[in-house]
Amino acid sequence: MAKPRDPLGRLREIIAAWPETDERISHGSPTWWGGKKTFASFHDNHHGDGRVAVWLKSSFEMQSDLVENNPDAFFVPPYVGPSGWVGIRLDREVDWAMVTALLEAGYRMVAPKRAIKLLDEG
């Protein structure tokens, strides 16, 4: 696990490989859509919180498990946290395999069925 030099670039690389994704600025931050719904956003020192992080769509259960088991890496982000989203710190040692898996899980929660089929077909 290594600290990335360009976490935003790494996120873009991961997400660009998936069908029907789109990146746009939303509320001042790079945000990704799977079809018509958002599933991730990048934040660098959001309102002075001192974190470089990605916030991503998740289930309440997953959010709770991640934050409880590793509060140094995971947190409940403002605004979207009450909807089950989870924040992942990218300004520390990062397990990019886990980040990728969690991003994909969030993507699968919002992506159109045809996009998921294309992803599964590889």
PDB file of N, CA and C in Angstrom:
ATOM      1  N   MET A   1       0.847  -1.180   0.000  1.00  0.00           N
ATOM      2  CA  MET A   1       0.000   0.000   0.000  1.00  0.00           C
ATOM      3  C   MET A   1       0.884   1.231   0.000  1.00  0.00           C
ATOM      4  N   ALA A   2       0.742   2.045  -0.997  1.00  0.00           N
ATOM      5  CA  ALA A   2       1.566   3.230  -1.097  1.00  0.00           C
ATOM      6  C   ALA A   2       0.701   4.478  -1.156  1.00  0.00           C
ATOM      7  N   LYS A   3       1.244   5.562  -0.656  1.00  0.00           N
ATOM      8  CA  LYS A   3       0.560   6.845  -0.724  1.00  0.00           C
ATOM      9  C   LYS A   3       0.653   7.356  -2.162  1.00  0.00           C
ATOM     10  N   PRO A   4      -0.465   7.634  -2.799  1.00  0.00           N
ATOM     11  CA  PRO A   4      -0.430   8.046  -4.201  1.00  0.00           C
ATOM     12  C   PRO A   4       0.044   9.482  -4.351  1.00  0.00           C
ATOM     13  N   ARG A   5       0.674   9.753  -5.457  1.00  0.00           N
ATOM     14  CA  ARG A   5       1.081  11.119  -5.757  1.00  0.00           C
ATOM     15  C   ARG A   5      -0.076  11.910  -6.323  1.00  0.00           C
ATOM     16  N   ASP A   6      -0.964  11.258  -7.022  1.00  0.00           N
ATOM     17  CA  ASP A   6      -2.083  11.929  -7.681  1.00  0.00           C
ATOM     18  C   ASP A   6      -3.358  11.109  -7.484  1.00  0.00           C
ATOM     19  N   PRO A   7      -3.993  11.216  -6.307  1.00  0.00           N
ATOM     20  CA  PRO A   7      -5.170  10.385  -6.068  1.00  0.00           C
ATOM     21  C   PRO A   7      -6.328  10.686  -7.017  1.00  0.00           C
ATOM     22  N   LEU A   8      -6.498  11.942  -7.424  1.00  0.00           N
ATOM     23  CA  LEU A   8      -7.572  12.268  -8.363  1.00  0.00           C
ATOM     24  C   LEU A   8      -7.324  11.593  -9.707  1.00  0.00           C
ATOM     25  N   GLY A   9      -6.095  11.627 -10.162  1.00  0.00           N
ATOM     26  CA  GLY A   9      -5.757  10.947 -11.416  1.00  0.00           C
ATOM     27  C   GLY A   9      -6.001   9.453 -11.336  1.00  0.00           C
ATOM     28  N   ARG A  10      -5.675   8.879 -10.200  1.00  0.00           N
ATOM     29  CA  ARG A  10      -5.898   7.433 -10.010  1.00  0.00           C
ATOM     30  C   ARG A  10      -7.387   7.108 -10.032  1.00  0.00           C
ATOM     31  N   LEU A  11      -8.201   7.917  -9.358  1.00  0.00           N
ATOM     32  CA  LEU A  11      -9.655   7.706  -9.381  1.00  0.00           C
ATOM     33  C   LEU A  11     -10.180   7.792 -10.811  1.00  0.00           C
ATOM     34  N   ARG A  12      -9.728   8.798 -11.530  1.00  0.00           N
ATOM     35  CA  ARG A  12     -10.173   8.966 -12.929  1.00  0.00           C
ATOM     36  C   ARG A  12      -9.819   7.751 -13.768  1.00  0.00           C
ATOM     37  N   GLU A  13      -8.629   7.228 -13.569  1.00  0.00           N
ATOM     38  CA  GLU A  13      -8.178   6.054 -14.317  1.00  0.00           C
ATOM     39  C   GLU A  13      -9.066   4.839 -14.019  1.00  0.00           C
ATOM     40  N   ILE A  14      -9.365   4.624 -12.767  1.00  0.00           N
ATOM     41  CA  ILE A  14     -10.198   3.481 -12.364  1.00  0.00           C
ATOM     42  C   ILE A  14     -11.594   3.612 -12.965  1.00  0.00           C
ATOM     43  N   ILE A  15     -12.212   4.750 -12.758  1.00  0.00           N
ATOM     44  CA  ILE A  15     -13.619   4.940 -13.139  1.00  0.00           C
ATOM     45  C   ILE A  15     -13.794   5.007 -14.654  1.00  0.00           C
ATOM     46  N   ALA A  16     -12.812   5.558 -15.369  1.00  0.00           N
ATOM     47  CA  ALA A  16     -12.926   5.678 -16.831  1.00  0.00           C
ATOM     48  C   ALA A  16     -13.048   4.326 -17.524  1.00  0.00           C
ATOM     49  N   ALA A  17     -12.631   3.270 -16.859  1.00  0.00           N
ATOM     50  CA  ALA A  17     -12.690   1.936 -17.452  1.00  0.00           C
ATOM     51  C   ALA A  17     -14.096   1.339 -17.438  1.00  0.00           C
ATOM     52  N   TRP A  18     -15.031   1.976 -16.752  1.00  0.00           N
ATOM     53  CA  TRP A  18     -16.377   1.431 -16.609  1.00  0.00           C
ATOM     54  C   TRP A  18     -17.345   2.097 -17.575  1.00  0.00           C
ATOM     55  N   PRO A  19     -18.302   1.323 -18.089  1.00  0.00           N
ATOM     56  CA  PRO A  19     -19.246   1.880 -19.073  1.00  0.00           C
ATOM     57  C   PRO A  19     -20.208   2.902 -18.456  1.00  0.00           C
ATOM     58  N   GLU A  20     -20.563   3.861 -19.277  1.00  0.00           N
ATOM     59  CA  GLU A  20     -21.565   4.872 -18.951  1.00  0.00           C
ATOM     60  C   GLU A  20     -21.257   5.661 -17.688  1.00  0.00           C
ATOM     61  N   THR A  21     -19.970   5.983 -17.523  1.00  0.00           N
ATOM     62  CA  THR A  21     -19.595   6.882 -16.428  1.00  0.00           C
ATOM     63  C   THR A  21     -19.306   8.251 -17.015  1.00  0.00           C
ATOM     64  N   ASP A  22     -19.498   9.258 -16.188  1.00  0.00           N
ATOM     65  CA  ASP A  22     -19.291  10.631 -16.617  1.00  0.00           C
ATOM     66  C   ASP A  22     -18.765  11.410 -15.424  1.00  0.00           C
ATOM     67  N   GLU A  23     -17.783  12.249 -15.662  1.00  0.00           N
ATOM     68  CA  GLU A  23     -17.252  13.111 -14.609  1.00  0.00           C
ATOM     69  C   GLU A  23     -17.666  14.548 -14.885  1.00  0.00           C
ATOM     70  N   ARG A  24     -18.198  15.191 -13.873  1.00  0.00           N
ATOM     71  CA  ARG A  24     -18.554  16.612 -13.948  1.00  0.00           C
ATOM     72  C   ARG A  24     -18.246  17.260 -12.601  1.00  0.00           C
ATOM     73  N   ILE A  25     -18.113  18.560 -12.603  1.00  0.00           N
ATOM     74  CA  ILE A  25     -17.966  19.290 -11.352  1.00  0.00           C
ATOM     75  C   ILE A  25     -19.361  19.478 -10.760  1.00  0.00           C
ATOM     76  N   SER A  26     -19.504  19.089  -9.508  1.00  0.00           N
ATOM     77  CA  SER A  26     -20.765  19.279  -8.789  1.00  0.00           C
ATOM     78  C   SER A  26     -20.431  19.804  -7.404  1.00  0.00           C
ATOM     79  N   HIS A  27     -21.039  20.901  -7.040  1.00  0.00           N
ATOM     80  CA  HIS A  27     -20.761  21.539  -5.758  1.00  0.00           C
ATOM     81  C   HIS A  27     -19.263  21.803  -5.568  1.00  0.00           C
ATOM     82  N   GLY A  28     -18.592  22.133  -6.680  1.00  0.00           N
ATOM     83  CA  GLY A  28     -17.183  22.489  -6.637  1.00  0.00           C
ATOM     84  C   GLY A  28     -16.211  21.325  -6.632  1.00  0.00           C
ATOM     85  N   SER A  29     -16.699  20.100  -6.753  1.00  0.00           N
ATOM     86  CA  SER A  29     -15.821  18.928  -6.675  1.00  0.00           C
ATOM     87  C   SER A  29     -16.015  18.010  -7.881  1.00  0.00           C
ATOM     88  N   PRO A  30     -14.927  17.359  -8.331  1.00  0.00           N
ATOM     89  CA  PRO A  30     -15.088  16.337  -9.368  1.00  0.00           C
ATOM     90  C   PRO A  30     -16.014  15.240  -8.844  1.00  0.00           C
ATOM     91  N   THR A  31     -17.039  14.958  -9.628  1.00  0.00           N
ATOM     92  CA  THR A  31     -18.072  14.002  -9.221  1.00  0.00           C
ATOM     93  C   THR A  31     -18.348  13.069 -10.390  1.00  0.00           C
ATOM     94  N   TRP A  32     -18.604  11.795 -10.065  1.00  0.00           N
ATOM     95  CA  TRP A  32     -18.837  10.800 -11.105  1.00  0.00           C
ATOM     96  C   TRP A  32     -20.259  10.270 -11.054  1.00  0.00           C
ATOM     97  N   TRP A  33     -20.803  10.096 -12.252  1.00  0.00           N
ATOM     98  CA  TRP A  33     -22.136   9.546 -12.442  1.00  0.00           C
ATOM     99  C   TRP A  33     -22.007   8.186 -13.101  1.00  0.00           C
ATOM    100  N   GLY A  34     -22.887   7.290 -12.717  1.00  0.00           N
ATOM    101  CA  GLY A  34     -23.074   6.023 -13.410  1.00  0.00           C
ATOM    102  C   GLY A  34     -24.465   6.106 -14.010  1.00  0.00           C
ATOM    103  N   GLY A  35     -24.546   6.402 -15.280  1.00  0.00           N
ATOM    104  CA  GLY A  35     -25.857   6.708 -15.862  1.00  0.00           C
ATOM    105  C   GLY A  35     -26.269   8.097 -15.403  1.00  0.00           C
ATOM    106  N   LYS A  36     -27.410   8.196 -14.728  1.00  0.00           N
ATOM    107  CA  LYS A  36     -27.933   9.499 -14.309  1.00  0.00           C
ATOM    108  C   LYS A  36     -27.772   9.782 -12.819  1.00  0.00           C
ATOM    109  N   LYS A  37     -27.095   8.897 -12.092  1.00  0.00           N
ATOM    110  CA  LYS A  37     -26.970   9.068 -10.650  1.00  0.00           C
ATOM    111  C   LYS A  37     -25.512   9.118 -10.226  1.00  0.00           C
ATOM    112  N   THR A  38     -25.235   9.888  -9.184  1.00  0.00           N
ATOM    113  CA  THR A  38     -23.863   9.998  -8.703  1.00  0.00           C
ATOM    114  C   THR A  38     -23.494   8.808  -7.829  1.00  0.00           C
ATOM    115  N   PHE A  39     -22.198   8.471  -7.871  1.00  0.00           N
ATOM    116  CA  PHE A  39     -21.716   7.399  -7.010  1.00  0.00           C
ATOM    117  C   PHE A  39     -20.384   7.732  -6.341  1.00  0.00           C
ATOM    118  N   ALA A  40     -19.752   8.832  -6.711  1.00  0.00           N
ATOM    119  CA  ALA A  40     -18.482   9.185  -6.071  1.00  0.00           C
ATOM    120  C   ALA A  40     -18.167  10.656  -6.301  1.00  0.00           C
ATOM    121  N   SER A  41     -17.438  11.231  -5.346  1.00  0.00           N
ATOM    122  CA  SER A  41     -16.929  12.592  -5.522  1.00  0.00           C
ATOM    123  C   SER A  41     -15.597  12.723  -4.780  1.00  0.00           C
ATOM    124  N   PHE A  42     -14.725  13.551  -5.353  1.00  0.00           N
ATOM    125  CA  PHE A  42     -13.393  13.776  -4.810  1.00  0.00           C
ATOM    126  C   PHE A  42     -13.377  15.093  -4.050  1.00  0.00           C
ATOM    127  N   HIS A  43     -12.739  15.096  -2.883  1.00  0.00           N
ATOM    128  CA  HIS A  43     -12.681  16.305  -2.072  1.00  0.00           C
ATOM    129  C   HIS A  43     -11.272  16.500  -1.528  1.00  0.00           C
ATOM    130  N   ASP A  44     -10.767  17.708  -1.697  1.00  0.00           N
ATOM    131  CA  ASP A  44      -9.458  18.076  -1.187  1.00  0.00           C
ATOM    132  C   ASP A  44      -9.649  19.213  -0.187  1.00  0.00           C
ATOM    133  N   ASN A  45      -9.563  18.887   1.094  1.00  0.00           N
ATOM    134  CA  ASN A  45      -9.719  19.851   2.181  1.00  0.00           C
ATOM    135  C   ASN A  45     -11.115  20.482   2.174  1.00  0.00           C
ATOM    136  N   HIS A  46     -12.116  19.647   2.064  1.00  0.00           N
ATOM    137  CA  HIS A  46     -13.508  20.103   2.018  1.00  0.00           C
ATOM    138  C   HIS A  46     -13.848  20.940   3.253  1.00  0.00           C
ATOM    139  N   HIS A  47     -14.167  22.190   3.035  1.00  0.00           N
ATOM    140  CA  HIS A  47     -14.491  23.133   4.116  1.00  0.00           C
ATOM    141  C   HIS A  47     -13.463  23.095   5.249  1.00  0.00           C
ATOM    142  N   GLY A  48     -12.184  22.928   4.874  1.00  0.00           N
ATOM    143  CA  GLY A  48     -11.112  22.962   5.856  1.00  0.00           C
ATOM    144  C   GLY A  48     -10.968  21.725   6.723  1.00  0.00           C
ATOM    145  N   ASP A  49     -11.489  20.578   6.262  1.00  0.00           N
ATOM    146  CA  ASP A  49     -11.412  19.372   7.099  1.00  0.00           C
ATOM    147  C   ASP A  49     -10.033  18.714   7.090  1.00  0.00           C
ATOM    148  N   GLY A  50      -9.132  19.190   6.219  1.00  0.00           N
ATOM    149  CA  GLY A  50      -7.774  18.664   6.194  1.00  0.00           C
ATOM    150  C   GLY A  50      -7.609  17.329   5.500  1.00  0.00           C
ATOM    151  N   ARG A  51      -8.643  16.819   4.879  1.00  0.00           N
ATOM    152  CA  ARG A  51      -8.584  15.495   4.238  1.00  0.00           C
ATOM    153  C   ARG A  51      -8.534  15.612   2.719  1.00  0.00           C
ATOM    154  N   VAL A  52      -7.811  14.692   2.112  1.00  0.00           N
ATOM    155  CA  VAL A  52      -7.955  14.404   0.690  1.00  0.00           C
ATOM    156  C   VAL A  52      -8.691  13.079   0.667  1.00  0.00           C
ATOM    157  N   ALA A  53      -9.876  13.060   0.038  1.00  0.00           N
ATOM    158  CA  ALA A  53     -10.723  11.873   0.161  1.00  0.00           C
ATOM    159  C   ALA A  53     -11.634  11.707  -1.038  1.00  0.00           C
ATOM    160  N   VAL A  54     -12.127  10.508  -1.162  1.00  0.00           N
ATOM    161  CA  VAL A  54     -13.224  10.235  -2.079  1.00  0.00           C
ATOM    162  C   VAL A  54     -14.422   9.847  -1.223  1.00  0.00           C
ATOM    163  N   TRP A  55     -15.565  10.386  -1.570  1.00  0.00           N
ATOM    164  CA  TRP A  55     -16.821  10.013  -0.927  1.00  0.00           C
ATOM    165  C   TRP A  55     -17.543   9.131  -1.923  1.00  0.00           C
ATOM    166  N   LEU A  56     -18.087   8.007  -1.469  1.00  0.00           N
ATOM    167  CA  LEU A  56     -18.755   7.132  -2.425  1.00  0.00           C
ATOM    168  C   LEU A  56     -20.022   6.509  -1.859  1.00  0.00           C
ATOM    169  N   LYS A  57     -20.896   6.207  -2.782  1.00  0.00           N
ATOM    170  CA  LYS A  57     -22.173   5.590  -2.431  1.00  0.00           C
ATOM    171  C   LYS A  57     -21.903   4.229  -1.817  1.00  0.00           C
ATOM    172  N   SER A  58     -22.642   3.946  -0.763  1.00  0.00           N
ATOM    173  CA  SER A  58     -22.457   2.705  -0.036  1.00  0.00           C
ATOM    174  C   SER A  58     -23.762   2.360   0.664  1.00  0.00           C
ATOM    175  N   SER A  59     -23.801   1.212   1.256  1.00  0.00           N
ATOM    176  CA  SER A  59     -24.948   0.854   2.092  1.00  0.00           C
ATOM    177  C   SER A  59     -24.660   1.317   3.518  1.00  0.00           C
ATOM    178  N   PHE A  60     -25.696   1.465   4.316  1.00  0.00           N
ATOM    179  CA  PHE A  60     -25.504   1.838   5.716  1.00  0.00           C
ATOM    180  C   PHE A  60     -24.666   0.789   6.444  1.00  0.00           C
ATOM    181  N   GLU A  61     -24.901  -0.463   6.133  1.00  0.00           N
ATOM    182  CA  GLU A  61     -24.157  -1.546   6.776  1.00  0.00           C
ATOM    183  C   GLU A  61     -22.667  -1.464   6.448  1.00  0.00           C
ATOM    184  N   MET A  62     -22.356  -1.264   5.177  1.00  0.00           N
ATOM    185  CA  MET A  62     -20.960  -1.165   4.760  1.00  0.00           C
ATOM    186  C   MET A  62     -20.315   0.068   5.389  1.00  0.00           C
ATOM    187  N   GLN A  63     -21.015   1.183   5.368  1.00  0.00           N
ATOM    188  CA  GLN A  63     -20.504   2.413   5.978  1.00  0.00           C
ATOM    189  C   GLN A  63     -20.145   2.165   7.448  1.00  0.00           C
ATOM    190  N   SER A  64     -21.073   1.585   8.178  1.00  0.00           N
ATOM    191  CA  SER A  64     -20.868   1.320   9.598  1.00  0.00           C
ATOM    192  C   SER A  64     -19.682   0.393   9.836  1.00  0.00           C
ATOM    193  N   ASP A  65     -19.603  -0.691   9.076  1.00  0.00           N
ATOM    194  CA  ASP A  65     -18.503  -1.646   9.232  1.00  0.00           C
ATOM    195  C   ASP A  65     -17.150  -0.998   8.946  1.00  0.00           C
ATOM    196  N   LEU A  66     -17.062  -0.249   7.857  1.00  0.00           N
ATOM    197  CA  LEU A  66     -15.789   0.357   7.482  1.00  0.00           C
ATOM    198  C   LEU A  66     -15.329   1.383   8.517  1.00  0.00           C
ATOM    199  N   VAL A  67     -16.230   2.269   8.914  1.00  0.00           N
ATOM    200  CA  VAL A  67     -15.869   3.324   9.861  1.00  0.00           C
ATOM    201  C   VAL A  67     -15.524   2.734  11.227  1.00  0.00           C
ATOM    202  N   GLU A  68     -16.294   1.751  11.651  1.00  0.00           N
ATOM    203  CA  GLU A  68     -16.051   1.135  12.957  1.00  0.00           C
ATOM    204  C   GLU A  68     -14.717   0.389  12.994  1.00  0.00           C
ATOM    205  N   ASN A  69     -14.404  -0.318  11.916  1.00  0.00           N
ATOM    206  CA  ASN A  69     -13.192  -1.147  11.893  1.00  0.00           C
ATOM    207  C   ASN A  69     -11.919  -0.385  11.539  1.00  0.00           C
ATOM    208  N   ASN A  70     -12.037   0.752  10.874  1.00  0.00           N
ATOM    209  CA  ASN A  70     -10.840   1.510  10.500  1.00  0.00           C
ATOM    210  C   ASN A  70     -11.161   3.000  10.402  1.00  0.00           C
ATOM    211  N   PRO A  71     -11.383   3.657  11.536  1.00  0.00           N
ATOM    212  CA  PRO A  71     -11.756   5.076  11.519  1.00  0.00           C
ATOM    213  C   PRO A  71     -10.633   6.000  11.055  1.00  0.00           C
ATOM    214  N   ASP A  72      -9.405   5.508  10.951  1.00  0.00           N
ATOM    215  CA  ASP A  72      -8.329   6.336  10.416  1.00  0.00           C
ATOM    216  C   ASP A  72      -8.404   6.462   8.900  1.00  0.00           C
ATOM    217  N   ALA A  73      -8.995   5.477   8.256  1.00  0.00           N
ATOM    218  CA  ALA A  73      -9.096   5.482   6.795  1.00  0.00           C
ATOM    219  C   ALA A  73     -10.488   5.843   6.299  1.00  0.00           C
ATOM    220  N   PHE A  74     -11.520   5.513   7.079  1.00  0.00           N
ATOM    221  CA  PHE A  74     -12.906   5.703   6.633  1.00  0.00           C
ATOM    222  C   PHE A  74     -13.639   6.647   7.572  1.00  0.00           C
ATOM    223  N   PHE A  75     -14.593   7.396   7.032  1.00  0.00           N
ATOM    224  CA  PHE A  75     -15.376   8.329   7.833  1.00  0.00           C
ATOM    225  C   PHE A  75     -16.744   8.536   7.192  1.00  0.00           C
ATOM    226  N   VAL A  76     -17.651   9.080   7.977  1.00  0.00           N
ATOM    227  CA  VAL A  76     -18.981   9.426   7.473  1.00  0.00           C
ATOM    228  C   VAL A  76     -18.895  10.863   6.968  1.00  0.00           C
ATOM    229  N   PRO A  77     -19.029  11.065   5.661  1.00  0.00           N
ATOM    230  CA  PRO A  77     -18.894  12.412   5.116  1.00  0.00           C
ATOM    231  C   PRO A  77     -20.123  13.278   5.411  1.00  0.00           C
ATOM    232  N   PRO A  78     -19.915  14.593   5.449  1.00  0.00           N
ATOM    233  CA  PRO A  78     -21.063  15.478   5.652  1.00  0.00           C
ATOM    234  C   PRO A  78     -22.006  15.398   4.450  1.00  0.00           C
ATOM    235  N   TYR A  79     -23.223  15.814   4.665  1.00  0.00           N
ATOM    236  CA  TYR A  79     -24.272  15.903   3.641  1.00  0.00           C
ATOM    237  C   TYR A  79     -24.772  14.543   3.168  1.00  0.00           C
ATOM    238  N   VAL A  80     -23.888  13.725   2.600  1.00  0.00           N
ATOM    239  CA  VAL A  80     -24.302  12.452   2.010  1.00  0.00           C
ATOM    240  C   VAL A  80     -24.157  11.264   2.964  1.00  0.00           C
ATOM    241  N   GLY A  81     -23.430  11.445   4.039  1.00  0.00           N
ATOM    242  CA  GLY A  81     -23.247  10.374   5.020  1.00  0.00           C
ATOM    243  C   GLY A  81     -24.552   9.822   5.555  1.00  0.00           C
ATOM    244  N   PRO A  82     -25.537  10.678   5.868  1.00  0.00           N
ATOM    245  CA  PRO A  82     -26.816  10.152   6.352  1.00  0.00           C
ATOM    246  C   PRO A  82     -27.564   9.291   5.325  1.00  0.00           C
ATOM    247  N   SER A  83     -27.103   9.318   4.062  1.00  0.00           N
ATOM    248  CA  SER A  83     -27.696   8.461   3.029  1.00  0.00           C
ATOM    249  C   SER A  83     -26.900   7.180   2.829  1.00  0.00           C
ATOM    250  N   GLY A  84     -25.883   6.963   3.674  1.00  0.00           N
ATOM    251  CA  GLY A  84     -25.108   5.730   3.603  1.00  0.00           C
ATOM    252  C   GLY A  84     -23.758   5.864   2.921  1.00  0.00           C
ATOM    253  N   TRP A  85     -23.445   7.036   2.392  1.00  0.00           N
ATOM    254  CA  TRP A  85     -22.154   7.204   1.733  1.00  0.00           C
ATOM    255  C   TRP A  85     -21.028   7.090   2.749  1.00  0.00           C
ATOM    256  N   VAL A  86     -19.835   6.724   2.254  1.00  0.00           N
ATOM    257  CA  VAL A  86     -18.661   6.600   3.107  1.00  0.00           C
ATOM    258  C   VAL A  86     -17.518   7.397   2.482  1.00  0.00           C
ATOM    259  N   GLY A  87     -16.693   7.994   3.333  1.00  0.00           N
ATOM    260  CA  GLY A  87     -15.506   8.689   2.873  1.00  0.00           C
ATOM    261  C   GLY A  87     -14.281   7.819   3.072  1.00  0.00           C
ATOM    262  N   ILE A  88     -13.368   7.885   2.103  1.00  0.00           N
ATOM    263  CA  ILE A  88     -12.107   7.148   2.189  1.00  0.00           C
ATOM    264  C   ILE A  88     -10.974   8.158   2.076  1.00  0.00           C
ATOM    265  N   ARG A  89     -10.112   8.186   3.078  1.00  0.00           N
ATOM    266  CA  ARG A  89      -8.966   9.097   3.039  1.00  0.00           C
ATOM    267  C   ARG A  89      -7.956   8.616   2.006  1.00  0.00           C
ATOM    268  N   LEU A  90      -7.504   9.550   1.182  1.00  0.00           N
ATOM    269  CA  LEU A  90      -6.519   9.243   0.153  1.00  0.00           C
ATOM    270  C   LEU A  90      -5.193   9.946   0.418  1.00  0.00           C
ATOM    271  N   ASP A  91      -5.072  10.583   1.572  1.00  0.00           N
ATOM    272  CA  ASP A  91      -3.859  11.314   1.933  1.00  0.00           C
ATOM    273  C   ASP A  91      -2.993  10.515   2.903  1.00  0.00           C
ATOM    274  N   ARG A  92      -3.219   9.233   2.945  1.00  0.00           N
ATOM    275  CA  ARG A  92      -2.471   8.298   3.800  1.00  0.00           C
ATOM    276  C   ARG A  92      -2.115   7.084   2.969  1.00  0.00           C
ATOM    277  N   GLU A  93      -1.675   6.040   3.637  1.00  0.00           N
ATOM    278  CA  GLU A  93      -1.460   4.777   2.921  1.00  0.00           C
ATOM    279  C   GLU A  93      -2.813   4.325   2.362  1.00  0.00           C
ATOM    280  N   VAL A  94      -2.841   3.990   1.090  1.00  0.00           N
ATOM    281  CA  VAL A  94      -4.100   3.660   0.425  1.00  0.00           C
ATOM    282  C   VAL A  94      -4.043   2.245  -0.130  1.00  0.00           C
ATOM    283  N   ASP A  95      -5.043   1.462   0.182  1.00  0.00           N
ATOM    284  CA  ASP A  95      -5.218   0.138  -0.414  1.00  0.00           C
ATOM    285  C   ASP A  95      -6.086   0.340  -1.659  1.00  0.00           C
ATOM    286  N   TRP A  96      -5.443   0.525  -2.795  1.00  0.00           N
ATOM    287  CA  TRP A  96      -6.187   0.860  -4.021  1.00  0.00           C
ATOM    288  C   TRP A  96      -7.069  -0.283  -4.500  1.00  0.00           C
ATOM    289  N   ALA A  97      -6.733  -1.510  -4.167  1.00  0.00           N
ATOM    290  CA  ALA A  97      -7.620  -2.625  -4.519  1.00  0.00           C
ATOM    291  C   ALA A  97      -8.945  -2.484  -3.768  1.00  0.00           C
ATOM    292  N   MET A  98      -8.873  -2.105  -2.495  1.00  0.00           N
ATOM    293  CA  MET A  98     -10.098  -1.912  -1.721  1.00  0.00           C
ATOM    294  C   MET A  98     -10.873  -0.698  -2.235  1.00  0.00           C
ATOM    295  N   VAL A  99     -10.168   0.392  -2.523  1.00  0.00           N
ATOM    296  CA  VAL A  99     -10.833   1.586  -3.060  1.00  0.00           C
ATOM    297  C   VAL A  99     -11.564   1.230  -4.349  1.00  0.00           C
ATOM    298  N   THR A 100     -10.895   0.491  -5.216  1.00  0.00           N
ATOM    299  CA  THR A 100     -11.505   0.089  -6.484  1.00  0.00           C
ATOM    300  C   THR A 100     -12.749  -0.761  -6.252  1.00  0.00           C
ATOM    301  N   ALA A 101     -12.662  -1.720  -5.345  1.00  0.00           N
ATOM    302  CA  ALA A 101     -13.813  -2.587  -5.052  1.00  0.00           C
ATOM    303  C   ALA A 101     -14.980  -1.785  -4.482  1.00  0.00           C
ATOM    304  N   LEU A 102     -14.699  -0.844  -3.589  1.00  0.00           N
ATOM    305  CA  LEU A 102     -15.768  -0.035  -3.005  1.00  0.00           C
ATOM    306  C   LEU A 102     -16.367   0.930  -4.029  1.00  0.00           C
ATOM    307  N   LEU A 103     -15.521   1.501  -4.881  1.00  0.00           N
ATOM    308  CA  LEU A 103     -16.026   2.346  -5.965  1.00  0.00           C
ATOM    309  C   LEU A 103     -16.944   1.544  -6.882  1.00  0.00           C
ATOM    310  N   GLU A 104     -16.506   0.344  -7.226  1.00  0.00           N
ATOM    311  CA  GLU A 104     -17.311  -0.490  -8.116  1.00  0.00           C
ATOM    312  C   GLU A 104     -18.647  -0.856  -7.465  1.00  0.00           C
ATOM    313  N   ALA A 105     -18.624  -1.143  -6.184  1.00  0.00           N
ATOM    314  CA  ALA A 105     -19.873  -1.458  -5.485  1.00  0.00           C
ATOM    315  C   ALA A 105     -20.822  -0.263  -5.529  1.00  0.00           C
ATOM    316  N   GLY A 106     -20.287   0.941  -5.314  1.00  0.00           N
ATOM    317  CA  GLY A 106     -21.111   2.146  -5.396  1.00  0.00           C
ATOM    318  C   GLY A 106     -21.640   2.374  -6.798  1.00  0.00           C
ATOM    319  N   TYR A 107     -20.793   2.165  -7.783  1.00  0.00           N
ATOM    320  CA  TYR A 107     -21.190   2.291  -9.191  1.00  0.00           C
ATOM    321  C   TYR A 107     -22.332   1.324  -9.515  1.00  0.00           C
ATOM    322  N   ARG A 108     -22.189   0.096  -9.066  1.00  0.00           N
ATOM    323  CA  ARG A 108     -23.217  -0.906  -9.340  1.00  0.00           C
ATOM    324  C   ARG A 108     -24.565  -0.560  -8.690  1.00  0.00           C
ATOM    325  N   MET A 109     -24.540   0.238  -7.628  1.00  0.00           N
ATOM    326  CA  MET A 109     -25.784   0.638  -6.974  1.00  0.00           C
ATOM    327  C   MET A 109     -26.584   1.634  -7.821  1.00  0.00           C
ATOM    328  N   VAL A 110     -25.919   2.342  -8.730  1.00  0.00           N
ATOM    329  CA  VAL A 110     -26.606   3.397  -9.485  1.00  0.00           C
ATOM    330  C   VAL A 110     -26.606   3.198 -10.995  1.00  0.00           C
ATOM    331  N   ALA A 111     -25.679   2.409 -11.510  1.00  0.00           N
ATOM    332  CA  ALA A 111     -25.522   2.277 -12.966  1.00  0.00           C
ATOM    333  C   ALA A 111     -26.722   1.579 -13.598  1.00  0.00           C
ATOM    334  N   PRO A 112     -27.022   1.951 -14.836  1.00  0.00           N
ATOM    335  CA  PRO A 112     -28.086   1.250 -15.554  1.00  0.00           C
ATOM    336  C   PRO A 112     -27.740  -0.230 -15.741  1.00  0.00           C
ATOM    337  N   LYS A 113     -28.752  -1.044 -15.821  1.00  0.00           N
ATOM    338  CA  LYS A 113     -28.533  -2.495 -15.969  1.00  0.00           C
ATOM    339  C   LYS A 113     -27.693  -2.826 -17.192  1.00  0.00           C
ATOM    340  N   ARG A 114     -27.880  -2.092 -18.282  1.00  0.00           N
ATOM    341  CA  ARG A 114     -27.116  -2.364 -19.500  1.00  0.00           C
ATOM    342  C   ARG A 114     -25.622  -2.091 -19.268  1.00  0.00           C
ATOM    343  N   ALA A 115     -25.291  -1.084 -18.451  1.00  0.00           N
ATOM    344  CA  ALA A 115     -23.898  -0.778 -18.152  1.00  0.00           C
ATOM    345  C   ALA A 115     -23.273  -1.863 -17.277  1.00  0.00           C
ATOM    346  N   ILE A 116     -24.038  -2.344 -16.320  1.00  0.00           N
ATOM    347  CA  ILE A 116     -23.535  -3.421 -15.460  1.00  0.00           C
ATOM    348  C   ILE A 116     -23.296  -4.682 -16.273  1.00  0.00           C
ATOM    349  N   LYS A 117     -24.195  -4.941 -17.221  1.00  0.00           N
ATOM    350  CA  LYS A 117     -24.016  -6.103 -18.099  1.00  0.00           C
ATOM    351  C   LYS A 117     -22.720  -5.965 -18.904  1.00  0.00           C
ATOM    352  N   LEU A 118     -22.465  -4.782 -19.442  1.00  0.00           N
ATOM    353  CA  LEU A 118     -21.219  -4.557 -20.185  1.00  0.00           C
ATOM    354  C   LEU A 118     -19.999  -4.711 -19.288  1.00  0.00           C
ATOM    355  N   LEU A 119     -20.087  -4.223 -18.077  1.00  0.00           N
ATOM    356  CA  LEU A 119     -18.969  -4.360 -17.127  1.00  0.00           C
ATOM    357  C   LEU A 119     -18.712  -5.837 -16.834  1.00  0.00           C
ATOM    358  N   ASP A 120     -19.759  -6.586 -16.621  1.00  0.00           N
ATOM    359  CA  ASP A 120     -19.618  -8.016 -16.297  1.00  0.00           C
ATOM    360  C   ASP A 120     -19.090  -8.827 -17.479  1.00  0.00           C
ATOM    361  N   GLU A 121     -19.408  -8.373 -18.685  1.00  0.00           N
ATOM    362  CA  GLU A 121     -18.927  -9.073 -19.882  1.00  0.00           C
ATOM    363  C   GLU A 121     -17.454  -8.794 -20.141  1.00  0.00           C
ATOM    364  N   GLY A 122     -16.954  -7.748 -19.461  1.00  0.00           N
ATOM    365  CA  GLY A 122     -15.533  -7.415 -19.519  1.00  0.00           C
ATOM    366  C   GLY A 122     -15.100  -6.850 -20.803  1.00  0.00           C
TER     367      GLY A 122
END
